[in-house]
């Protein structure tokens, strides 16, 4: 599977780690540890891609690593 970046952060409101995947609108996962949220994000990404293919939608290319100056 192509690697997409996930932004992982702690949500005090949800009392869980959250992962957002910038390439996929609305694609988020949660988990009790950073490792679990990343595993859940991989599942969600796969499901998002599968659904997009079934609907004939374009699959975004990974943006790659973000660089900051």
N, C-alpha and C. Protein backbone atom coordinates (compact mmCIF):
# COMPACT_ATOMS: atom_id res chain seq x y z
N UNK A 1 0.84 -1.18 0.00
CA UNK A 1 0.00 0.00 0.00
C UNK A 1 0.89 1.24 0.00
N UNK A 2 0.47 2.23 -0.76
CA UNK A 2 1.17 3.50 -0.78
C UNK A 2 1.05 4.17 0.57
N UNK A 3 2.11 4.79 1.01
CA UNK A 3 2.12 5.40 2.34
C UNK A 3 1.54 6.81 2.32
N UNK A 4 0.51 7.02 3.09
CA UNK A 4 -0.08 8.34 3.28
C UNK A 4 0.28 8.81 4.69
N UNK A 5 0.45 10.10 4.84
CA UNK A 5 0.80 10.66 6.14
C UNK A 5 -0.45 10.82 6.99
N UNK A 6 -0.27 10.56 8.26
CA UNK A 6 -1.34 10.78 9.24
C UNK A 6 -0.83 11.75 10.30
N UNK A 7 -1.68 12.69 10.66
CA UNK A 7 -1.36 13.63 11.73
C UNK A 7 -2.00 13.08 13.00
N UNK A 8 -1.18 12.66 13.95
CA UNK A 8 -1.67 12.05 15.19
C UNK A 8 -1.57 13.06 16.32
N UNK A 9 -2.64 13.17 17.09
CA UNK A 9 -2.63 14.09 18.24
C UNK A 9 -3.57 13.57 19.32
N UNK A 10 -3.35 14.03 20.53
CA UNK A 10 -4.20 13.67 21.67
C UNK A 10 -5.38 14.62 21.71
N UNK A 11 -6.57 14.10 21.86
CA UNK A 11 -7.77 14.91 22.01
C UNK A 11 -8.25 14.80 23.44
N UNK A 12 -8.13 15.87 24.17
CA UNK A 12 -8.60 15.89 25.55
C UNK A 12 -10.12 15.70 25.59
N UNK A 13 -10.80 16.30 24.63
CA UNK A 13 -12.26 16.20 24.57
C UNK A 13 -12.71 14.74 24.37
N UNK A 14 -12.02 14.02 23.49
CA UNK A 14 -12.37 12.63 23.20
C UNK A 14 -11.67 11.63 24.10
N UNK A 15 -10.67 12.10 24.83
CA UNK A 15 -9.86 11.21 25.69
C UNK A 15 -9.28 10.06 24.88
N UNK A 16 -8.78 10.41 23.69
CA UNK A 16 -8.21 9.40 22.79
C UNK A 16 -7.23 10.09 21.84
N UNK A 17 -6.37 9.28 21.23
CA UNK A 17 -5.53 9.78 20.17
C UNK A 17 -6.35 9.79 18.89
N UNK A 18 -6.18 10.83 18.09
CA UNK A 18 -6.86 10.94 16.81
C UNK A 18 -5.82 11.03 15.70
N UNK A 19 -6.18 10.52 14.55
CA UNK A 19 -5.32 10.61 13.37
C UNK A 19 -6.16 11.18 12.23
N UNK A 20 -5.65 12.22 11.61
CA UNK A 20 -6.28 12.80 10.43
C UNK A 20 -5.39 12.48 9.23
N UNK A 21 -5.99 12.17 8.10
CA UNK A 21 -5.25 11.87 6.88
C UNK A 21 -5.58 12.99 5.89
N UNK A 22 -4.65 13.95 5.70
CA UNK A 22 -4.95 15.14 4.91
C UNK A 22 -5.40 14.87 3.47
N UNK A 23 -4.90 13.83 2.84
CA UNK A 23 -5.26 13.55 1.45
C UNK A 23 -6.72 13.13 1.28
N UNK A 24 -7.33 12.61 2.35
CA UNK A 24 -8.67 12.07 2.25
C UNK A 24 -9.63 12.86 3.12
N UNK A 25 -10.50 13.62 2.48
CA UNK A 25 -11.46 14.46 3.18
C UNK A 25 -12.30 13.63 4.14
N UNK A 26 -12.31 14.01 5.39
CA UNK A 26 -13.13 13.34 6.39
C UNK A 26 -12.56 12.03 6.91
N UNK A 27 -11.34 11.70 6.54
CA UNK A 27 -10.74 10.44 6.95
C UNK A 27 -10.03 10.63 8.29
N UNK A 28 -10.63 10.05 9.33
CA UNK A 28 -10.06 10.14 10.68
C UNK A 28 -10.20 8.80 11.38
N UNK A 29 -9.33 8.57 12.34
CA UNK A 29 -9.39 7.37 13.16
C UNK A 29 -9.10 7.76 14.60
N UNK A 30 -9.43 6.85 15.52
CA UNK A 30 -9.10 7.09 16.92
C UNK A 30 -8.50 5.83 17.51
N UNK A 31 -7.89 5.98 18.67
CA UNK A 31 -7.29 4.84 19.35
C UNK A 31 -6.79 5.25 20.72
N UNK A 32 -6.59 4.26 21.58
CA UNK A 32 -6.16 4.54 22.95
C UNK A 32 -4.66 4.78 23.07
N UNK A 33 -3.89 4.40 22.05
CA UNK A 33 -2.45 4.64 22.02
C UNK A 33 -2.07 5.13 20.62
N UNK A 34 -0.90 5.77 20.48
CA UNK A 34 -0.46 6.18 19.14
C UNK A 34 -0.37 4.99 18.18
N UNK A 35 0.07 3.85 18.67
CA UNK A 35 0.18 2.67 17.81
C UNK A 35 -1.19 2.19 17.33
N UNK A 36 -2.17 2.19 18.24
CA UNK A 36 -3.51 1.75 17.87
C UNK A 36 -4.17 2.71 16.90
N UNK A 37 -3.97 4.01 17.11
CA UNK A 37 -4.61 4.97 16.20
C UNK A 37 -4.00 4.85 14.80
N UNK A 38 -2.70 4.58 14.69
CA UNK A 38 -2.08 4.42 13.38
C UNK A 38 -2.58 3.14 12.69
N UNK A 39 -2.73 2.07 13.45
CA UNK A 39 -3.27 0.83 12.88
C UNK A 39 -4.71 1.05 12.40
N UNK A 40 -5.49 1.78 13.19
CA UNK A 40 -6.87 2.07 12.79
C UNK A 40 -6.90 2.98 11.57
N UNK A 41 -5.97 3.92 11.49
CA UNK A 41 -5.89 4.82 10.33
C UNK A 41 -5.60 4.03 9.06
N UNK A 42 -4.72 3.03 9.13
CA UNK A 42 -4.42 2.20 7.96
C UNK A 42 -5.68 1.50 7.46
N UNK A 43 -6.49 1.00 8.39
CA UNK A 43 -7.74 0.33 8.00
C UNK A 43 -8.70 1.32 7.33
N UNK A 44 -8.81 2.51 7.91
CA UNK A 44 -9.72 3.52 7.38
C UNK A 44 -9.27 3.98 6.00
N UNK A 45 -7.95 4.15 5.82
CA UNK A 45 -7.42 4.54 4.51
C UNK A 45 -7.80 3.49 3.47
N UNK A 46 -7.59 2.22 3.79
CA UNK A 46 -7.91 1.14 2.85
C UNK A 46 -9.40 1.15 2.51
N UNK A 47 -10.25 1.36 3.50
CA UNK A 47 -11.69 1.41 3.26
C UNK A 47 -12.06 2.63 2.41
N UNK A 48 -11.42 3.76 2.66
CA UNK A 48 -11.69 4.98 1.90
C UNK A 48 -11.35 4.76 0.44
N UNK A 49 -10.18 4.17 0.19
CA UNK A 49 -9.74 3.91 -1.19
C UNK A 49 -10.68 2.93 -1.87
N UNK A 50 -11.06 1.87 -1.18
CA UNK A 50 -11.97 0.87 -1.76
C UNK A 50 -13.31 1.51 -2.15
N UNK A 51 -13.85 2.33 -1.26
CA UNK A 51 -15.12 3.00 -1.54
C UNK A 51 -14.98 3.97 -2.70
N UNK A 52 -13.90 4.73 -2.74
CA UNK A 52 -13.68 5.68 -3.83
C UNK A 52 -13.59 4.95 -5.17
N UNK A 53 -12.90 3.82 -5.20
CA UNK A 53 -12.79 3.04 -6.44
C UNK A 53 -14.17 2.55 -6.89
N UNK A 54 -14.96 2.06 -5.94
CA UNK A 54 -16.31 1.57 -6.27
C UNK A 54 -17.17 2.68 -6.84
N UNK A 55 -16.93 3.92 -6.38
CA UNK A 55 -17.73 5.06 -6.83
C UNK A 55 -17.12 5.74 -8.06
N UNK A 56 -15.98 5.24 -8.53
CA UNK A 56 -15.34 5.82 -9.70
C UNK A 56 -14.64 7.14 -9.42
N UNK A 57 -14.28 7.37 -8.18
CA UNK A 57 -13.61 8.63 -7.81
C UNK A 57 -12.10 8.50 -7.93
N UNK A 58 -11.44 9.61 -8.10
CA UNK A 58 -9.99 9.66 -8.20
C UNK A 58 -9.37 9.45 -6.82
N UNK A 59 -8.31 8.64 -6.78
CA UNK A 59 -7.59 8.40 -5.53
C UNK A 59 -6.43 9.40 -5.48
N UNK A 60 -6.37 10.24 -4.46
CA UNK A 60 -5.27 11.21 -4.38
C UNK A 60 -3.92 10.52 -4.23
N UNK A 61 -2.91 11.11 -4.84
CA UNK A 61 -1.54 10.65 -4.66
C UNK A 61 -1.05 11.12 -3.29
N UNK A 62 -0.18 10.34 -2.65
CA UNK A 62 0.38 10.80 -1.38
C UNK A 62 1.14 12.11 -1.58
N UNK A 63 0.97 13.02 -0.67
CA UNK A 63 1.67 14.30 -0.73
C UNK A 63 3.14 14.18 -0.40
N UNK A 64 3.49 13.14 0.31
CA UNK A 64 4.87 12.98 0.75
C UNK A 64 5.11 13.78 2.01
N UNK A 65 6.33 13.78 2.42
CA UNK A 65 6.70 14.45 3.66
C UNK A 65 6.58 15.96 3.52
N UNK A 66 5.99 16.57 4.52
CA UNK A 66 5.85 18.02 4.52
C UNK A 66 7.17 18.65 4.94
N UNK A 67 7.54 19.70 4.26
CA UNK A 67 8.79 20.38 4.59
C UNK A 67 8.48 21.79 5.08
N UNK A 68 9.15 22.17 6.13
CA UNK A 68 8.97 23.50 6.71
C UNK A 68 10.29 24.24 6.64
N UNK A 69 10.22 25.52 6.29
CA UNK A 69 11.45 26.34 6.21
C UNK A 69 11.67 27.07 7.51
